[in-house]
C-alpha atoms as a PDB file:
ATOM      1  CA  MET A   1      -0.450   4.237  -8.800  1.00  0.00           C
ATOM      2  CA  GLY A   2      -0.610   5.681 -12.298  1.00  0.00           C
ATOM      3  CA  HIS A   3      -3.738   6.191 -14.313  1.00  0.00           C
ATOM      4  CA  ILE A   4      -3.050   3.152 -16.528  1.00  0.00           C
ATOM      5  CA  GLU A   5      -2.693   0.814 -13.535  1.00  0.00           C
ATOM      6  CA  LEU A   6      -5.833   2.313 -11.995  1.00  0.00           C
ATOM      7  CA  GLU A   7      -7.789   1.888 -15.220  1.00  0.00           C
ATOM      8  CA  ASN A   8      -6.636  -1.741 -15.545  1.00  0.00           C
ATOM      9  CA  LYS A   9      -7.569  -2.412 -11.905  1.00  0.00           C
ATOM     10  CA  LEU A  10     -11.045  -0.916 -12.372  1.00  0.00           C
ATOM     11  CA  LYS A  11     -11.597  -2.801 -15.643  1.00  0.00           C
ATOM     12  CA  LYS A  12     -10.596  -6.020 -13.898  1.00  0.00           C
ATOM     13  CA  ARG A  13     -13.030  -5.266 -11.065  1.00  0.00           C
ATOM     14  CA  ILE A  14     -15.853  -4.667 -13.578  1.00  0.00           C
ATOM     15  CA  ARG A  15     -15.007  -7.828 -15.527  1.00  0.00           C
ATOM     16  CA  ASN A  16     -14.824  -9.989 -12.379  1.00  0.00           C
ATOM     17  CA  ARG A  17     -18.135  -8.640 -11.066  1.00  0.00           C
ATOM     18  CA  ARG A  18     -19.874  -9.282 -14.392  1.00  0.00           C
ATOM     19  CA  ILE A  19     -18.435 -12.797 -14.629  1.00  0.00           C
ATOM     20  CA  THR A  20     -19.665 -13.478 -11.088  1.00  0.00           C
ATOM     21  CA  GLU A  21     -23.127 -12.155 -11.972  1.00  0.00           C
ATOM     22  CA  MET A  22     -23.250 -14.353 -15.083  1.00  0.00           C
ATOM     23  CA  VAL A  23     -22.088 -17.449 -13.195  1.00  0.00           C
ATOM     24  CA  LEU A  24     -24.679 -16.872 -10.472  1.00  0.00           C
ATOM     25  CA  SER A  25     -27.354 -16.414 -13.137  1.00  0.00           C
ATOM     26  CA  VAL A  26     -26.405 -19.734 -14.735  1.00  0.00           C
ATOM     27  CA  VAL A  27     -26.366 -21.491 -11.336  1.00  0.00           C
ATOM     28  CA  PHE A  28     -29.832 -20.177 -10.464  1.00  0.00           C
ATOM     29  CA  LEU A  29     -31.088 -21.117 -13.945  1.00  0.00           C
ATOM     30  CA  ILE A  30     -29.804 -24.676 -13.467  1.00  0.00           C
ATOM     31  CA  ILE A  31     -31.427 -24.863 -10.016  1.00  0.00           C
ATOM     32  CA  ALA A  32     -34.725 -23.628 -11.459  1.00  0.00           C
ATOM     33  CA  ILE A  33     -34.624 -26.088 -14.371  1.00  0.00           C
ATOM     34  CA  VAL A  34     -33.683 -29.057 -12.158  1.00  0.00           C
ATOM     35  CA  PHE A  35     -36.498 -28.425  -9.675  1.00  0.00           C
ATOM     36  CA  THR A  36     -38.985 -27.781 -12.484  1.00  0.00           C
ATOM     37  CA  VAL A  37     -38.056 -31.079 -14.139  1.00  0.00           C
ATOM     38  CA  LEU A  38     -38.223 -32.909 -10.794  1.00  0.00           C
ATOM     39  CA  ARG A  39     -41.665 -31.469 -10.059  1.00  0.00           C
ATOM     40  CA  ASP A  40     -42.867 -32.325 -13.554  1.00  0.00           C
ATOM     41  CA  GLY A  41     -41.461 -35.848 -13.143  1.00  0.00           C
ATOM     42  CA  SER A  42     -43.470 -36.329  -9.961  1.00  0.00           C
ATOM     43  CA  LYS A  43     -46.717 -35.905 -11.874  1.00  0.00           C
ATOM     44  CA  THR A  44     -49.295 -38.592 -11.111  1.00  0.00           C
ATOM     45  CA  VAL A  45     -52.454 -38.993 -13.122  1.00  0.00           C
ATOM     46  CA  GLU A  46     -55.391 -40.762 -11.533  1.00  0.00           C
ATOM     47  CA  VAL A  47     -58.427 -41.731 -13.561  1.00  0.00           C
ATOM     48  CA  ILE A  48     -61.566 -41.202 -11.537  1.00  0.00           C
ATOM     49  CA  GLY A  49     -65.090 -42.313 -12.325  1.00  0.00           C
ATOM     50  CA  LYS A  50     -66.750 -44.898 -14.492  1.00  0.00           C
ATOM     51  CA  PRO A  51     -67.387 -44.655 -18.213  1.00  0.00           C
ATOM     52  CA  PRO A  52     -68.857 -42.487 -19.708  1.00  0.00           C
ATOM     53  CA  PHE A  53     -68.200 -40.110 -16.775  1.00  0.00           C
ATOM     54  CA  VAL A  54     -64.425 -40.360 -16.528  1.00  0.00           C
ATOM     55  CA  TYR A  55     -62.055 -37.555 -15.634  1.00  0.00           C
ATOM     56  CA  GLU A  56     -58.391 -37.323 -14.719  1.00  0.00           C
ATOM     57  CA  SER A  57     -56.954 -35.939 -11.492  1.00  0.00           C
ATOM     58  CA  VAL A  58     -53.395 -34.669 -11.853  1.00  0.00           C
ATOM     59  CA  SER A  59     -51.234 -34.122  -8.783  1.00  0.00           C
ATOM     60  CA  TYR A  60     -47.631 -33.075  -8.265  1.00  0.00           C
ATOM     61  CA  ASN A  61     -45.133 -33.334  -5.441  1.00  0.00           C
ATOM     62  CA  ASN A  62     -45.191 -29.738  -4.253  1.00  0.00           C
ATOM     63  CA  ASP A  63     -42.028 -30.135  -2.179  1.00  0.00           C
ATOM     64  CA  TYR A  64     -40.106 -29.040  -5.287  1.00  0.00           C
ATOM     65  CA  VAL A  65     -41.887 -25.680  -5.494  1.00  0.00           C
ATOM     66  CA  PHE A  66     -39.514 -24.103  -2.956  1.00  0.00           C
ATOM     67  CA  GLY A  67     -36.495 -25.053  -5.061  1.00  0.00           C
ATOM     68  CA  MET A  68     -38.225 -23.710  -8.166  1.00  0.00           C
ATOM     69  CA  ALA A  69     -39.062 -20.444  -6.399  1.00  0.00           C
ATOM     70  CA  ALA A  70     -35.502 -20.041  -5.121  1.00  0.00           C
ATOM     71  CA  GLY A  71     -34.099 -20.733  -8.583  1.00  0.00           C
ATOM     72  CA  TYR A  72     -36.399 -18.389 -10.475  1.00  0.00           C
ATOM     73  CA  LEU A  73     -36.207 -15.573  -7.900  1.00  0.00           C
ATOM     74  CA  GLY A  74     -32.423 -15.816  -7.702  1.00  0.00           C
ATOM     75  CA  LEU A  75     -32.219 -15.836 -11.496  1.00  0.00           C
ATOM     76  CA  MET A  76     -34.489 -12.808 -11.718  1.00  0.00           C
ATOM     77  CA  TRP A  77     -32.430 -10.758  -9.247  1.00  0.00           C
ATOM     78  CA  CYS A  78     -29.103 -11.773 -10.803  1.00  0.00           C
ATOM     79  CA  VAL A  79     -30.293 -10.825 -14.283  1.00  0.00           C
ATOM     80  CA  ILE A  80     -31.687  -7.496 -13.048  1.00  0.00           C
ATOM     81  CA  PHE A  81     -28.393  -6.746 -11.290  1.00  0.00           C
ATOM     82  CA  LEU A  82     -26.438  -7.707 -14.436  1.00  0.00           C
ATOM     83  CA  ILE A  83     -28.587  -5.454 -16.634  1.00  0.00           C
ATOM     84  CA  ILE A  84     -28.141  -2.549 -14.208  1.00  0.00           C
ATOM     85  CA  ASP A  85     -24.405  -3.231 -14.203  1.00  0.00           C
ATOM     86  CA  LEU A  86     -24.253  -3.232 -18.004  1.00  0.00           C
ATOM     87  CA  LEU A  87     -26.323  -0.060 -18.330  1.00  0.00           C
ATOM     88  CA  PHE A  88     -25.007   2.173 -15.555  1.00  0.00           C
ATOM     89  CA  VAL A  89     -21.382   1.257 -14.772  1.00  0.00           C
ATOM     90  CA  LYS A  90     -19.041   3.618 -16.584  1.00  0.00           C
ATOM     91  CA  LEU A  91     -15.263   4.024 -16.771  1.00  0.00           C
ATOM     92  CA  GLU A  92     -13.593   6.779 -18.764  1.00  0.00           C
ATOM     93  CA  THR A  93     -10.224   8.503 -18.711  1.00  0.00           C
ATOM     94  CA  VAL A  94      -9.522  11.894 -20.282  1.00  0.00           C
ATOM     95  CA  GLY A  95      -6.405  14.021 -20.435  1.00  0.00           C
ATOM     96  CA  ALA A  96      -6.381  17.518 -18.972  1.00  0.00           C
ATOM     97  CA  GLY A  97      -3.029  19.156 -19.594  1.00  0.00           C
ATOM     98  CA  SER A  98      -0.395  17.004 -17.921  1.00  0.00           C
ATOM     99  CA  ASP A  99      -2.985  15.189 -15.771  1.00  0.00           C
ATOM    100  CA  TYR A 100      -5.280  12.270 -16.475  1.00  0.00           C
ATOM    101  CA  ILE A 101      -8.776  12.332 -15.022  1.00  0.00           C
ATOM    102  CA  THR A 102     -10.459   8.947 -14.550  1.00  0.00           C
ATOM    103  CA  PHE A 103     -14.173   8.788 -13.823  1.00  0.00           C
ATOM    104  CA  TYR A 104     -15.591   5.526 -12.484  1.00  0.00           C
ATOM    105  CA  LYS A 105     -19.299   5.168 -11.834  1.00  0.00           C
ATOM    106  CA  GLY A 106     -19.793   1.908  -9.985  1.00  0.00           C
ATOM    107  CA  ILE A 107     -22.896   0.154  -8.756  1.00  0.00           C
ATOM    108  CA  LEU A 108     -22.923   1.914  -5.377  1.00  0.00           C
ATOM    109  CA  ARG A 109     -21.066   5.188  -5.829  1.00  0.00           C
ATOM    110  CA  PRO A 110     -19.083   7.256  -8.317  1.00  0.00           C
ATOM    111  CA  SER A 111     -15.380   8.040  -7.985  1.00  0.00           C
ATOM    112  CA  LEU A 112     -13.132  10.629  -9.582  1.00  0.00           C
ATOM    113  CA  TYR A 113      -9.369  10.082  -9.832  1.00  0.00           C
ATOM    114  CA  VAL A 114      -6.522  12.322 -10.948  1.00  0.00           C
ATOM    115  CA  ASN A 115      -3.346  10.515 -11.987  1.00  0.00           C
ATOM    116  CA  GLY A 116      -4.470   7.398 -10.123  1.00  0.00           C
ATOM    117  CA  SER A 117      -5.354   8.976  -6.773  1.00  0.00           C
ATOM    118  CA  ASN A 118      -8.729  10.123  -5.492  1.00  0.00           C
ATOM    119  CA  GLU A 119      -8.076  12.917  -3.026  1.00  0.00           C
ATOM    120  CA  GLY A 120     -10.818  15.367  -2.142  1.00  0.00           C
ATOM    121  CA  LEU A 121     -13.934  13.424  -3.130  1.00  0.00           C
ATOM    122  CA  SER A 122     -17.359  14.102  -1.765  1.00  0.00           C
ATOM    123  CA  TRP A 123     -19.371  10.928  -1.214  1.00  0.00           C
ATOM    124  CA  GLY A 124     -23.074  10.556  -1.903  1.00  0.00           C
ATOM    125  CA  SER A 125     -23.454  13.715  -3.939  1.00  0.00           C
ATOM    126  CA  HIS A 126     -24.243  14.581  -7.541  1.00  0.00           C
ATOM    127  CA  TYR A 127     -21.056  16.648  -7.662  1.00  0.00           C
ATOM    128  CA  LEU A 128     -17.509  15.399  -7.201  1.00  0.00           C
ATOM    129  CA  GLU A 129     -14.591  17.776  -6.884  1.00  0.00           C
ATOM    130  CA  ILE A 130     -10.875  17.051  -7.063  1.00  0.00           C
ATOM    131  CA  PRO A 131      -7.775  19.237  -7.532  1.00  0.00           C
ATOM    132  CA  LEU A 132      -5.351  18.823 -10.438  1.00  0.00           C
ATOM    133  CA  SER A 133      -1.587  19.002  -9.987  1.00  0.00           C
ATOM    134  CA  ASP A 134      -1.491  22.677 -11.059  1.00  0.00           C
ATOM    135  CA  GLY A 135      -4.075  23.679  -8.433  1.00  0.00           C
ATOM    136  CA  THR A 136      -7.025  23.799 -10.807  1.00  0.00           C
ATOM    137  CA  SER A 137     -10.191  22.324  -9.383  1.00  0.00           C
ATOM    138  CA  VAL A 138     -12.223  19.854 -11.458  1.00  0.00           C
ATOM    139  CA  THR A 139     -15.919  19.403 -10.721  1.00  0.00           C
ATOM    140  CA  ALA A 140     -17.801  16.402 -12.084  1.00  0.00           C
ATOM    141  CA  SER A 141     -21.547  16.963 -12.367  1.00  0.00           C
ATOM    142  CA  LEU A 142     -23.333  13.642 -12.536  1.00  0.00           C
ATOM    143  CA  GLY A 143     -26.394  13.112 -14.670  1.00  0.00           C
ATOM    144  CA  LYS A 144     -28.345   9.935 -15.181  1.00  0.00           C
ATOM    145  CA  TRP A 145     -26.486   8.978 -18.365  1.00  0.00           C
ATOM    146  CA  SER A 146     -23.643  11.498 -18.572  1.00  0.00           C
ATOM    147  CA  VAL A 147     -20.935  13.302 -16.651  1.00  0.00           C
ATOM    148  CA  HIS A 148     -19.960  16.937 -17.161  1.00  0.00           C
ATOM    149  CA  LEU A 149     -16.419  17.951 -16.113  1.00  0.00           C
ATOM    150  CA  THR A 150     -15.835  21.648 -15.505  1.00  0.00           C
ATOM    151  CA  PHE A 151     -12.543  23.320 -14.635  1.00  0.00           C
ATOM    152  CA  SER A 152     -11.925  26.309 -12.352  1.00  0.00           C
ATOM    153  CA  ASN A 153      -9.305  27.854 -14.645  1.00  0.00           C
ATOM    154  CA  GLY A 154     -11.668  28.458 -17.589  1.00  0.00           C
ATOM    155  CA  ARG A 155     -10.629  25.426 -19.623  1.00  0.00           C
ATOM    156  CA  PRO A 156     -13.489  24.172 -21.852  1.00  0.00           C
ATOM    157  CA  PRO A 157     -15.710  21.608 -20.135  1.00  0.00           C
ATOM    158  CA  ILE A 158     -15.646  17.920 -21.084  1.00  0.00           C
ATOM    159  CA  ASP A 159     -18.705  15.708 -21.414  1.00  0.00           C
ATOM    160  CA  LEU A 160     -18.278  11.991 -20.760  1.00  0.00           C
END
């Protein structure tokens, strides 16, 4: 697979995940609104006492609270996951001689590809290393917001 096909595949994966997160957020929002409206609709007001000492007792059907809690908690987690996705997921491709280096930082782990293949990756580390077609080794140093690519042949480093 070439680097263009890989980049399109990764972009499609990102887009599909974000659409799913947005749809789930809307579903949980609808659930939360429906159960909130149902609980509010079950409101009963009872007037207690005799004039001039009259007060109102308001009660609700609390069976709807579980649906409200599920809706609001699901909405909260979906929105948090969507914000994390929007802030931290990164996809960039740079040229290095005759090779194309694609860096993909997903939700769970980062990946480094050369010309569409990802041979020689280390998983769960802050450093990823992969060889280019001419034998040069590329090391990706991961920061919180950036990636620093260094080359073993003395080529100037690239910041993504």
